[in-house]
N, C-alpha and C. Protein backbone atom coordinates (compact mmCIF):
# COMPACT_ATOMS: atom_id res chain seq x y z
N MET A 1 -119.47 84.95 13.91
CA MET A 1 -118.78 84.75 15.11
C MET A 1 -118.59 83.29 15.46
N ARG A 2 -117.35 82.89 15.73
CA ARG A 2 -117.02 81.53 16.08
C ARG A 2 -117.18 81.41 17.60
N THR A 3 -118.36 81.08 18.02
CA THR A 3 -118.65 81.04 19.48
C THR A 3 -119.21 79.68 19.82
N GLY A 4 -119.08 79.28 21.10
CA GLY A 4 -119.65 78.07 21.61
C GLY A 4 -120.22 78.31 23.00
N ARG A 5 -121.30 77.64 23.25
CA ARG A 5 -121.96 77.75 24.59
C ARG A 5 -122.40 76.34 25.06
N ILE A 6 -121.91 75.93 26.22
CA ILE A 6 -122.25 74.65 26.74
C ILE A 6 -122.85 74.86 28.15
N ALA A 7 -123.99 74.36 28.39
CA ALA A 7 -124.64 74.33 29.67
C ALA A 7 -124.76 72.85 30.05
N ARG A 8 -124.15 72.50 31.16
CA ARG A 8 -124.03 71.05 31.45
C ARG A 8 -124.38 70.91 32.94
N LYS A 9 -125.38 70.13 33.20
CA LYS A 9 -125.85 69.89 34.58
C LYS A 9 -125.95 68.41 34.90
N THR A 10 -125.25 67.99 35.92
CA THR A 10 -125.30 66.60 36.38
C THR A 10 -125.57 66.64 37.94
N ALA A 11 -125.63 65.45 38.52
CA ALA A 11 -125.74 65.40 39.98
C ALA A 11 -124.53 65.92 40.69
N GLU A 12 -123.42 66.10 39.97
CA GLU A 12 -122.19 66.47 40.57
C GLU A 12 -121.74 67.89 40.30
N THR A 13 -122.12 68.46 39.12
CA THR A 13 -121.74 69.80 38.77
C THR A 13 -122.82 70.49 37.96
N ASP A 14 -122.89 71.77 38.02
CA ASP A 14 -123.73 72.62 37.21
C ASP A 14 -122.84 73.65 36.56
N ILE A 15 -122.66 73.60 35.24
CA ILE A 15 -121.67 74.35 34.56
C ILE A 15 -122.18 75.13 33.34
N LEU A 16 -121.70 76.36 33.22
CA LEU A 16 -121.96 77.15 32.01
C LEU A 16 -120.57 77.57 31.47
N VAL A 17 -120.30 77.28 30.19
CA VAL A 17 -119.09 77.68 29.57
C VAL A 17 -119.43 78.34 28.18
N GLU A 18 -118.90 79.53 27.97
CA GLU A 18 -119.02 80.20 26.73
C GLU A 18 -117.64 80.64 26.19
N VAL A 19 -117.37 80.47 24.94
CA VAL A 19 -116.10 80.90 24.32
C VAL A 19 -116.35 81.66 23.03
N ASN A 20 -115.42 82.54 22.74
CA ASN A 20 -115.39 83.27 21.51
C ASN A 20 -113.96 83.11 20.96
N LEU A 21 -113.76 82.36 19.90
CA LEU A 21 -112.45 82.12 19.30
C LEU A 21 -111.81 83.40 18.81
N ASP A 22 -112.63 84.38 18.48
CA ASP A 22 -112.13 85.60 17.85
C ASP A 22 -112.17 86.79 18.82
N GLY A 23 -111.97 86.47 20.04
CA GLY A 23 -112.03 87.46 21.11
C GLY A 23 -110.77 88.21 21.32
N THR A 24 -110.67 88.74 22.58
CA THR A 24 -109.50 89.59 22.97
C THR A 24 -108.82 89.02 24.21
N GLY A 25 -109.26 87.90 24.64
CA GLY A 25 -108.74 87.27 25.86
C GLY A 25 -109.41 87.76 27.11
N ALA A 26 -110.72 88.14 26.96
CA ALA A 26 -111.49 88.55 28.11
C ALA A 26 -112.09 87.32 28.81
N TYR A 27 -112.13 87.35 30.17
CA TYR A 27 -112.59 86.20 30.90
C TYR A 27 -113.43 86.54 32.08
N ALA A 28 -114.28 85.64 32.49
CA ALA A 28 -114.98 85.59 33.77
C ALA A 28 -115.07 84.19 34.22
N VAL A 29 -114.21 83.83 35.16
CA VAL A 29 -114.04 82.43 35.57
C VAL A 29 -114.26 82.24 37.01
N SER A 30 -115.16 81.31 37.37
CA SER A 30 -115.47 81.03 38.78
C SER A 30 -115.76 79.52 38.88
N THR A 31 -114.79 78.72 39.33
CA THR A 31 -114.96 77.28 39.44
C THR A 31 -115.11 76.84 40.89
N GLY A 32 -114.74 77.77 41.80
CA GLY A 32 -114.68 77.37 43.22
C GLY A 32 -113.31 76.85 43.62
N ILE A 33 -112.39 76.76 42.67
CA ILE A 33 -111.03 76.29 42.94
C ILE A 33 -110.08 77.43 42.43
N GLY A 34 -109.57 78.15 43.42
CA GLY A 34 -108.81 79.31 43.04
C GLY A 34 -107.69 79.15 42.05
N PHE A 35 -106.86 78.14 42.21
CA PHE A 35 -105.76 77.94 41.25
C PHE A 35 -106.23 77.55 39.88
N LEU A 36 -107.34 76.76 39.79
CA LEU A 36 -107.86 76.44 38.52
C LEU A 36 -108.45 77.66 37.83
N ASP A 37 -109.06 78.48 38.55
CA ASP A 37 -109.51 79.77 37.98
C ASP A 37 -108.39 80.52 37.37
N HIS A 38 -107.27 80.61 38.12
CA HIS A 38 -106.07 81.35 37.64
C HIS A 38 -105.54 80.77 36.39
N MET A 39 -105.53 79.41 36.27
CA MET A 39 -105.02 78.78 35.04
C MET A 39 -105.93 78.97 33.84
N VAL A 40 -107.25 78.90 34.05
CA VAL A 40 -108.17 79.10 32.93
C VAL A 40 -108.13 80.56 32.45
N GLU A 41 -107.91 81.48 33.41
CA GLU A 41 -107.77 82.91 33.06
C GLU A 41 -106.44 83.08 32.22
N GLN A 42 -105.39 82.41 32.58
CA GLN A 42 -104.16 82.44 31.81
C GLN A 42 -104.41 81.90 30.40
N PHE A 43 -105.16 80.80 30.29
CA PHE A 43 -105.48 80.23 29.04
C PHE A 43 -106.17 81.24 28.19
N SER A 44 -107.19 81.92 28.69
CA SER A 44 -107.96 82.91 27.99
C SER A 44 -107.12 84.04 27.54
N ARG A 45 -106.39 84.62 28.50
CA ARG A 45 -105.65 85.83 28.17
C ARG A 45 -104.52 85.58 27.06
N HIS A 46 -103.90 84.45 27.12
CA HIS A 46 -102.81 84.17 26.23
C HIS A 46 -103.20 83.53 24.87
N SER A 47 -104.41 82.98 24.82
CA SER A 47 -104.93 82.46 23.58
C SER A 47 -105.75 83.48 22.82
N LEU A 48 -106.10 84.57 23.51
CA LEU A 48 -107.09 85.54 22.98
C LEU A 48 -108.49 84.97 22.75
N ILE A 49 -108.79 83.82 23.33
CA ILE A 49 -110.12 83.30 23.28
C ILE A 49 -110.83 83.75 24.53
N ASP A 50 -111.95 84.42 24.29
CA ASP A 50 -112.76 84.86 25.46
C ASP A 50 -113.41 83.63 26.15
N VAL A 51 -113.38 83.65 27.43
CA VAL A 51 -113.86 82.44 28.14
C VAL A 51 -114.76 82.93 29.35
N THR A 52 -115.96 82.45 29.36
CA THR A 52 -116.86 82.58 30.51
C THR A 52 -117.02 81.17 31.11
N MET A 53 -116.65 80.95 32.32
CA MET A 53 -116.84 79.62 32.98
C MET A 53 -117.36 79.82 34.38
N LYS A 54 -118.53 79.35 34.60
CA LYS A 54 -119.16 79.34 35.94
C LYS A 54 -119.49 77.93 36.36
N VAL A 55 -118.93 77.51 37.45
CA VAL A 55 -119.12 76.06 37.93
C VAL A 55 -119.61 76.06 39.34
N ASP A 56 -120.63 75.32 39.61
CA ASP A 56 -121.11 74.99 40.97
C ASP A 56 -120.93 73.51 41.07
N GLY A 57 -119.87 73.06 41.79
CA GLY A 57 -119.56 71.63 41.89
C GLY A 57 -119.60 71.14 43.33
N ASP A 58 -119.51 69.88 43.43
CA ASP A 58 -119.58 69.15 44.76
C ASP A 58 -118.22 69.12 45.44
N LEU A 59 -117.70 70.35 45.68
CA LEU A 59 -116.37 70.49 46.34
C LEU A 59 -116.36 69.99 47.77
N HIS A 60 -117.51 69.78 48.37
CA HIS A 60 -117.57 69.17 49.67
C HIS A 60 -117.09 67.74 49.64
N ILE A 61 -117.12 67.14 48.45
CA ILE A 61 -116.53 65.76 48.28
C ILE A 61 -115.10 65.83 47.96
N ASP A 62 -114.79 66.35 46.82
CA ASP A 62 -113.36 66.66 46.40
C ASP A 62 -113.41 67.52 45.21
N GLN A 63 -112.23 67.70 44.56
CA GLN A 63 -112.17 68.54 43.41
C GLN A 63 -112.25 67.87 42.06
N HIS A 64 -112.33 66.56 42.14
CA HIS A 64 -112.27 65.77 40.84
C HIS A 64 -113.38 66.12 39.86
N HIS A 65 -114.56 66.11 40.31
CA HIS A 65 -115.72 66.38 39.39
C HIS A 65 -115.71 67.76 38.81
N THR A 66 -115.41 68.73 39.64
CA THR A 66 -115.34 70.10 39.18
C THR A 66 -114.17 70.30 38.13
N THR A 67 -113.08 69.74 38.40
CA THR A 67 -111.93 69.81 37.46
C THR A 67 -112.29 69.11 36.11
N GLU A 68 -112.73 67.90 36.18
CA GLU A 68 -113.07 67.10 35.00
C GLU A 68 -114.16 67.71 34.16
N ASP A 69 -115.27 68.09 34.84
CA ASP A 69 -116.45 68.48 34.08
C ASP A 69 -116.23 69.91 33.52
N SER A 70 -115.45 70.78 34.20
CA SER A 70 -115.16 72.08 33.60
C SER A 70 -114.29 71.93 32.34
N ALA A 71 -113.42 70.98 32.33
CA ALA A 71 -112.53 70.72 31.18
C ALA A 71 -113.37 70.12 30.05
N ILE A 72 -114.29 69.24 30.33
CA ILE A 72 -115.14 68.63 29.33
C ILE A 72 -115.98 69.76 28.65
N ALA A 73 -116.60 70.60 29.48
CA ALA A 73 -117.45 71.64 28.97
C ALA A 73 -116.64 72.66 28.14
N LEU A 74 -115.44 72.97 28.57
CA LEU A 74 -114.55 73.90 27.80
C LEU A 74 -114.24 73.26 26.49
N GLY A 75 -113.84 72.03 26.47
CA GLY A 75 -113.53 71.32 25.24
C GLY A 75 -114.72 71.19 24.29
N GLN A 76 -115.88 70.96 24.81
CA GLN A 76 -117.08 70.90 23.95
C GLN A 76 -117.38 72.25 23.40
N ALA A 77 -117.24 73.34 24.18
CA ALA A 77 -117.49 74.68 23.66
C ALA A 77 -116.49 75.06 22.62
N LEU A 78 -115.22 74.74 22.80
CA LEU A 78 -114.25 74.95 21.77
C LEU A 78 -114.57 74.21 20.46
N GLY A 79 -114.98 72.92 20.58
CA GLY A 79 -115.36 72.18 19.46
C GLY A 79 -116.57 72.72 18.72
N GLN A 80 -117.54 73.21 19.46
CA GLN A 80 -118.71 73.82 18.88
C GLN A 80 -118.34 75.16 18.08
N ALA A 81 -117.43 75.91 18.71
CA ALA A 81 -117.07 77.19 18.08
C ALA A 81 -116.24 76.91 16.81
N LEU A 82 -115.49 75.85 16.74
CA LEU A 82 -114.69 75.54 15.56
C LEU A 82 -115.51 75.03 14.42
N GLY A 83 -116.71 74.52 14.69
CA GLY A 83 -117.59 74.06 13.57
C GLY A 83 -116.93 72.96 12.75
N ASP A 84 -116.90 73.17 11.40
CA ASP A 84 -116.29 72.16 10.57
C ASP A 84 -114.75 72.35 10.44
N LYS A 85 -114.26 73.37 11.13
CA LYS A 85 -112.78 73.69 11.22
C LYS A 85 -112.27 74.28 9.93
N GLY A 86 -113.12 74.66 9.03
CA GLY A 86 -112.69 75.22 7.78
C GLY A 86 -111.82 76.46 7.95
N GLY A 87 -110.65 76.48 7.31
CA GLY A 87 -109.85 77.68 7.29
C GLY A 87 -108.86 77.87 8.41
N ILE A 88 -108.90 76.98 9.39
CA ILE A 88 -108.09 77.12 10.65
C ILE A 88 -106.64 76.68 10.31
N GLY A 89 -105.77 77.21 11.12
CA GLY A 89 -104.33 76.70 11.06
C GLY A 89 -104.18 75.25 11.41
N ARG A 90 -105.02 74.71 12.22
CA ARG A 90 -105.09 73.29 12.66
C ARG A 90 -103.92 73.00 13.68
N TYR A 91 -102.67 73.29 13.33
CA TYR A 91 -101.55 72.92 14.18
C TYR A 91 -101.09 74.20 15.01
N GLY A 92 -100.64 73.84 16.23
CA GLY A 92 -100.04 74.95 16.99
C GLY A 92 -98.95 74.39 17.89
N GLN A 93 -97.98 75.19 18.18
CA GLN A 93 -96.87 74.80 19.07
C GLN A 93 -96.26 76.05 19.74
N ALA A 94 -95.80 75.77 21.00
CA ALA A 94 -95.24 76.88 21.69
C ALA A 94 -94.25 76.37 22.72
N TYR A 95 -93.11 77.08 22.83
CA TYR A 95 -92.21 76.92 23.97
C TYR A 95 -92.60 78.05 24.90
N SER A 96 -92.80 77.64 26.21
CA SER A 96 -93.27 78.62 27.17
C SER A 96 -92.28 78.66 28.42
N PRO A 97 -91.46 79.70 28.46
CA PRO A 97 -90.57 79.83 29.63
C PRO A 97 -91.23 80.65 30.73
N MET A 98 -90.97 80.23 31.93
CA MET A 98 -91.35 81.07 33.15
C MET A 98 -90.24 80.93 34.20
N ASP A 99 -89.39 81.93 34.27
CA ASP A 99 -88.24 81.89 35.17
C ASP A 99 -87.41 80.67 34.84
N GLU A 100 -87.23 79.79 35.84
CA GLU A 100 -86.34 78.58 35.63
C GLU A 100 -86.99 77.44 34.90
N THR A 101 -88.25 77.55 34.52
CA THR A 101 -89.06 76.57 33.91
C THR A 101 -89.23 76.75 32.41
N LEU A 102 -89.19 75.66 31.66
CA LEU A 102 -89.47 75.69 30.24
C LEU A 102 -90.40 74.56 29.85
N ALA A 103 -91.54 74.84 29.28
CA ALA A 103 -92.47 73.82 28.83
C ALA A 103 -92.67 73.90 27.31
N ARG A 104 -93.04 72.79 26.72
CA ARG A 104 -93.27 72.80 25.29
C ARG A 104 -94.60 72.08 25.05
N VAL A 105 -95.46 72.75 24.24
CA VAL A 105 -96.79 72.23 23.97
C VAL A 105 -96.96 72.24 22.49
N ALA A 106 -97.44 71.07 21.94
CA ALA A 106 -97.73 71.02 20.49
C ALA A 106 -99.14 70.34 20.37
N LEU A 107 -99.91 70.79 19.47
CA LEU A 107 -101.23 70.23 19.25
C LEU A 107 -101.68 70.22 17.82
N ASP A 108 -102.64 69.43 17.60
CA ASP A 108 -103.27 69.25 16.27
C ASP A 108 -104.77 69.10 16.50
N ILE A 109 -105.54 70.05 16.00
CA ILE A 109 -107.02 70.00 16.06
C ILE A 109 -107.51 69.05 15.02
N SER A 110 -107.29 67.76 15.27
CA SER A 110 -107.44 66.74 14.31
C SER A 110 -108.73 66.03 14.32
N GLY A 111 -109.50 66.16 15.40
CA GLY A 111 -110.68 65.36 15.62
C GLY A 111 -110.31 64.02 16.16
N ARG A 112 -109.02 63.75 16.40
CA ARG A 112 -108.57 62.48 17.01
C ARG A 112 -107.98 62.78 18.40
N PRO A 113 -108.74 62.63 19.45
CA PRO A 113 -108.28 63.05 20.78
C PRO A 113 -107.18 62.12 21.29
N PHE A 114 -106.13 62.77 21.81
CA PHE A 114 -105.05 61.98 22.35
C PHE A 114 -104.20 62.95 23.22
N LEU A 115 -103.74 62.46 24.37
CA LEU A 115 -102.87 63.25 25.18
C LEU A 115 -101.59 62.48 25.51
N VAL A 116 -100.44 63.12 25.23
CA VAL A 116 -99.13 62.66 25.67
C VAL A 116 -98.70 63.66 26.69
N TRP A 117 -98.48 63.15 27.90
CA TRP A 117 -98.10 64.04 29.08
C TRP A 117 -96.81 63.63 29.64
N LYS A 118 -95.85 64.50 29.55
CA LYS A 118 -94.52 64.27 30.05
C LYS A 118 -94.13 65.42 30.99
N ALA A 119 -94.82 65.49 32.12
CA ALA A 119 -94.60 66.52 33.11
C ALA A 119 -94.89 65.92 34.47
N ARG A 120 -94.30 66.59 35.48
CA ARG A 120 -94.55 66.08 36.83
C ARG A 120 -94.52 67.22 37.80
N PHE A 121 -95.13 66.94 38.94
CA PHE A 121 -95.10 67.97 40.03
C PHE A 121 -94.47 67.29 41.25
N THR A 122 -93.85 68.09 42.09
CA THR A 122 -93.13 67.53 43.28
C THR A 122 -93.87 67.91 44.59
N GLN A 123 -95.04 68.52 44.43
CA GLN A 123 -95.87 68.71 45.61
C GLN A 123 -97.31 68.33 45.33
N GLU A 124 -98.11 68.02 46.29
CA GLU A 124 -99.41 67.49 46.11
C GLU A 124 -100.46 68.54 45.78
N LYS A 125 -100.23 69.80 46.17
CA LYS A 125 -101.21 70.82 45.91
C LYS A 125 -100.60 72.09 45.45
N LEU A 126 -101.36 72.86 44.60
CA LEU A 126 -101.12 74.22 44.29
C LEU A 126 -102.26 75.01 44.77
N GLY A 127 -102.02 75.89 45.84
CA GLY A 127 -103.15 76.40 46.52
C GLY A 127 -103.91 75.24 47.15
N GLU A 128 -105.16 75.21 46.84
CA GLU A 128 -105.96 74.08 47.32
C GLU A 128 -106.20 73.01 46.26
N TRP A 129 -105.66 73.22 45.08
CA TRP A 129 -105.89 72.29 43.94
C TRP A 129 -104.89 71.12 43.93
N ASP A 130 -105.47 69.97 43.82
CA ASP A 130 -104.62 68.71 43.77
C ASP A 130 -103.85 68.69 42.43
N THR A 131 -102.55 68.62 42.52
CA THR A 131 -101.76 68.63 41.32
C THR A 131 -101.96 67.46 40.38
N GLU A 132 -102.38 66.30 40.95
CA GLU A 132 -102.67 65.11 40.09
C GLU A 132 -103.80 65.40 39.14
N LEU A 133 -104.66 66.49 39.43
CA LEU A 133 -105.76 66.77 38.54
C LEU A 133 -105.38 67.61 37.33
N VAL A 134 -104.14 68.18 37.32
CA VAL A 134 -103.74 68.99 36.19
C VAL A 134 -103.70 68.14 34.91
N GLU A 135 -103.05 66.98 34.95
CA GLU A 135 -102.99 66.10 33.78
C GLU A 135 -104.39 65.72 33.38
N HIS A 136 -105.22 65.40 34.37
CA HIS A 136 -106.58 65.00 34.04
C HIS A 136 -107.42 66.11 33.37
N TRP A 137 -107.18 67.30 33.73
CA TRP A 137 -107.84 68.48 33.10
C TRP A 137 -107.47 68.55 31.62
N PHE A 138 -106.19 68.41 31.34
CA PHE A 138 -105.76 68.46 29.92
C PHE A 138 -106.32 67.19 29.13
N HIS A 139 -106.36 66.04 29.77
CA HIS A 139 -106.84 64.88 29.11
C HIS A 139 -108.33 65.11 28.75
N SER A 140 -109.13 65.70 29.70
CA SER A 140 -110.48 65.94 29.47
C SER A 140 -110.73 66.91 28.37
N VAL A 141 -110.01 68.03 28.36
CA VAL A 141 -110.11 68.99 27.29
C VAL A 141 -109.86 68.40 25.91
N ALA A 142 -108.71 67.64 25.87
CA ALA A 142 -108.30 67.03 24.61
C ALA A 142 -109.39 66.08 24.11
N GLN A 143 -109.93 65.27 24.96
CA GLN A 143 -110.96 64.32 24.56
C GLN A 143 -112.19 65.03 24.04
N ALA A 144 -112.64 66.08 24.78
CA ALA A 144 -113.93 66.73 24.47
C ALA A 144 -113.77 67.57 23.18
N ALA A 145 -112.56 68.19 23.00
CA ALA A 145 -112.39 69.08 21.82
C ALA A 145 -111.88 68.33 20.64
N GLY A 146 -111.46 67.12 20.76
CA GLY A 146 -110.90 66.37 19.61
C GLY A 146 -109.52 66.83 19.20
N ILE A 147 -108.67 67.02 20.26
CA ILE A 147 -107.32 67.54 20.02
C ILE A 147 -106.34 66.44 20.33
N THR A 148 -105.31 66.34 19.41
CA THR A 148 -104.10 65.58 19.78
C THR A 148 -103.16 66.60 20.46
N LEU A 149 -102.82 66.26 21.73
CA LEU A 149 -102.14 67.25 22.53
C LEU A 149 -100.84 66.65 23.18
N HIS A 150 -99.72 67.22 22.95
CA HIS A 150 -98.45 66.80 23.54
C HIS A 150 -98.00 67.87 24.49
N VAL A 151 -97.77 67.49 25.73
CA VAL A 151 -97.28 68.45 26.80
C VAL A 151 -95.97 67.86 27.34
N GLN A 152 -94.95 68.64 27.32
CA GLN A 152 -93.64 68.22 27.88
C GLN A 152 -93.02 69.34 28.74
N LEU A 153 -92.69 68.97 29.97
CA LEU A 153 -91.93 69.84 30.82
C LEU A 153 -90.45 69.59 30.49
N LEU A 154 -89.73 70.47 29.91
CA LEU A 154 -88.35 70.31 29.59
C LEU A 154 -87.48 70.41 30.79
N TYR A 155 -87.76 71.40 31.62
CA TYR A 155 -87.13 71.48 32.98
C TYR A 155 -87.84 72.54 33.81
N GLY A 156 -87.62 72.46 35.09
CA GLY A 156 -88.28 73.44 36.05
C GLY A 156 -88.43 72.80 37.42
N GLN A 157 -88.39 73.65 38.38
CA GLN A 157 -88.45 73.22 39.79
C GLN A 157 -89.63 73.75 40.52
N ASN A 158 -90.01 75.01 40.30
CA ASN A 158 -91.09 75.68 41.10
C ASN A 158 -92.43 75.15 40.49
N ASN A 159 -93.20 74.49 41.26
CA ASN A 159 -94.43 73.85 40.83
C ASN A 159 -95.43 74.83 40.26
N HIS A 160 -95.51 76.02 40.84
CA HIS A 160 -96.39 77.04 40.29
C HIS A 160 -95.93 77.44 38.87
N HIS A 161 -94.63 77.61 38.68
CA HIS A 161 -94.09 77.97 37.37
C HIS A 161 -94.35 76.88 36.39
N VAL A 162 -94.21 75.64 36.80
CA VAL A 162 -94.40 74.51 35.90
C VAL A 162 -95.86 74.49 35.36
N CYS A 163 -96.76 74.63 36.29
CA CYS A 163 -98.20 74.58 35.87
C CYS A 163 -98.52 75.77 34.95
N GLU A 164 -98.08 76.96 35.38
CA GLU A 164 -98.44 78.13 34.55
C GLU A 164 -97.77 78.11 33.21
N ALA A 165 -96.56 77.68 33.14
CA ALA A 165 -95.83 77.55 31.85
C ALA A 165 -96.61 76.64 30.90
N ILE A 166 -97.13 75.53 31.43
CA ILE A 166 -97.87 74.59 30.63
C ILE A 166 -99.17 75.17 30.09
N TYR A 167 -99.93 75.83 30.97
CA TYR A 167 -101.19 76.47 30.56
C TYR A 167 -100.92 77.59 29.54
N LYS A 168 -99.87 78.38 29.78
CA LYS A 168 -99.57 79.43 28.78
C LYS A 168 -99.12 78.85 27.43
N GLY A 169 -98.38 77.79 27.53
CA GLY A 169 -97.94 77.13 26.28
C GLY A 169 -99.20 76.56 25.53
N PHE A 170 -100.11 76.00 26.23
CA PHE A 170 -101.31 75.45 25.68
C PHE A 170 -102.09 76.64 24.96
N ALA A 171 -102.16 77.73 25.67
CA ALA A 171 -102.90 78.87 25.18
C ALA A 171 -102.35 79.41 23.88
N ARG A 172 -100.96 79.55 23.84
CA ARG A 172 -100.32 80.06 22.64
C ARG A 172 -100.41 79.09 21.52
N ALA A 173 -100.29 77.79 21.73
CA ALA A 173 -100.54 76.76 20.71
C ALA A 173 -101.95 76.81 20.19
N MET A 174 -102.91 76.92 21.03
CA MET A 174 -104.31 76.99 20.58
C MET A 174 -104.56 78.27 19.78
N ARG A 175 -103.91 79.32 20.20
CA ARG A 175 -104.07 80.57 19.38
C ARG A 175 -103.64 80.44 17.94
N GLN A 176 -102.50 79.74 17.79
CA GLN A 176 -102.07 79.45 16.41
C GLN A 176 -102.98 78.55 15.66
N ALA A 177 -103.47 77.51 16.35
CA ALA A 177 -104.25 76.45 15.69
C ALA A 177 -105.60 76.93 15.25
N VAL A 178 -106.24 77.83 16.11
CA VAL A 178 -107.63 78.19 15.81
C VAL A 178 -107.71 79.43 14.84
N GLU A 179 -106.57 80.11 14.67
CA GLU A 179 -106.59 81.29 13.82
C GLU A 179 -106.93 80.93 12.39
N LEU A 180 -107.71 81.82 11.69
CA LEU A 180 -108.04 81.60 10.35
C LEU A 180 -106.94 82.06 9.40
N ASP A 181 -106.68 81.28 8.41
CA ASP A 181 -105.65 81.63 7.43
C ASP A 181 -106.32 81.96 6.07
N SER A 182 -106.23 83.20 5.69
CA SER A 182 -106.95 83.71 4.54
C SER A 182 -106.58 82.91 3.22
N ARG A 183 -105.39 82.43 3.19
CA ARG A 183 -104.96 81.70 2.02
C ARG A 183 -105.71 80.36 1.88
N LYS A 184 -106.27 79.86 2.95
CA LYS A 184 -107.02 78.58 2.84
C LYS A 184 -108.39 78.85 2.32
N GLN A 185 -108.92 80.07 2.30
CA GLN A 185 -110.19 80.41 1.81
C GLN A 185 -111.31 79.52 2.39
N GLY A 186 -111.25 79.22 3.64
CA GLY A 186 -112.30 78.38 4.25
C GLY A 186 -112.17 76.90 4.10
N ALA A 187 -111.12 76.46 3.40
CA ALA A 187 -111.00 74.98 3.13
C ALA A 187 -110.65 74.25 4.41
N ILE A 188 -111.15 73.10 4.58
CA ILE A 188 -110.82 72.25 5.79
C ILE A 188 -109.35 71.73 5.59
N PRO A 189 -108.54 71.95 6.57
CA PRO A 189 -107.10 71.63 6.42
C PRO A 189 -106.82 70.11 6.53
N SER A 190 -107.31 69.37 5.56
CA SER A 190 -107.06 67.92 5.52
C SER A 190 -107.37 67.46 4.15
N THR A 191 -106.56 66.57 3.59
CA THR A 191 -106.73 66.04 2.27
C THR A 191 -107.94 65.10 2.23
N LYS A 192 -108.39 64.67 3.44
CA LYS A 192 -109.64 63.88 3.50
C LYS A 192 -110.89 64.66 3.29
N GLY A 193 -110.79 66.00 3.47
CA GLY A 193 -111.97 66.86 3.37
C GLY A 193 -112.76 66.98 4.61
N GLN A 194 -112.31 66.35 5.68
CA GLN A 194 -112.91 66.51 7.03
C GLN A 194 -111.85 66.12 8.06
N LEU A 195 -112.12 66.64 9.22
CA LEU A 195 -111.22 66.37 10.39
C LEU A 195 -111.98 65.54 11.37
N GLY A 196 -111.40 64.35 11.77
CA GLY A 196 -112.08 63.46 12.64
C GLY A 196 -113.04 62.59 11.93
N GLY A 197 -113.33 61.45 12.63
CA GLY A 197 -114.34 60.49 12.03
C GLY A 197 -113.77 59.70 10.89
């Protein structure tokens, strides 16, 4: 089983994240931020990666630590589940339409973390979640998981649709990238013989 489990406790957050790369898209998510819960659930359902995420954060201060630390823990759990990355597709890409919105996400599980973000929001909040934290969540996941991640909003007006299209695109790209390819026979998908480092 390609699974990961991260328990992370600081003075700001207490987090448990568990993932199963070979799951069915089952989830149990509770971060204390409703819209963030909704997006992580979308990620799980559309990637078919099972995700358990329980966060007790300092929301009496603001949402920054909960957003950042939940993303770090998810990225670490994904990295743990991937192991040496032998046999994976490595690359993933998806166009994700949602009504008037179209997002494009491409990624490489390269071990070299990088985020290119070309998206914007025209309102400050989605539900109670600060939209400026969406980019930061993706940056934190990419850093912790060792993913080169490109996110582009091609067009769209409704902020809810924009955010959801990006998360669903990320999910579909991750599904491609983490899937095992039997033709590779467990080989690490790099001529270097390793990914990262």
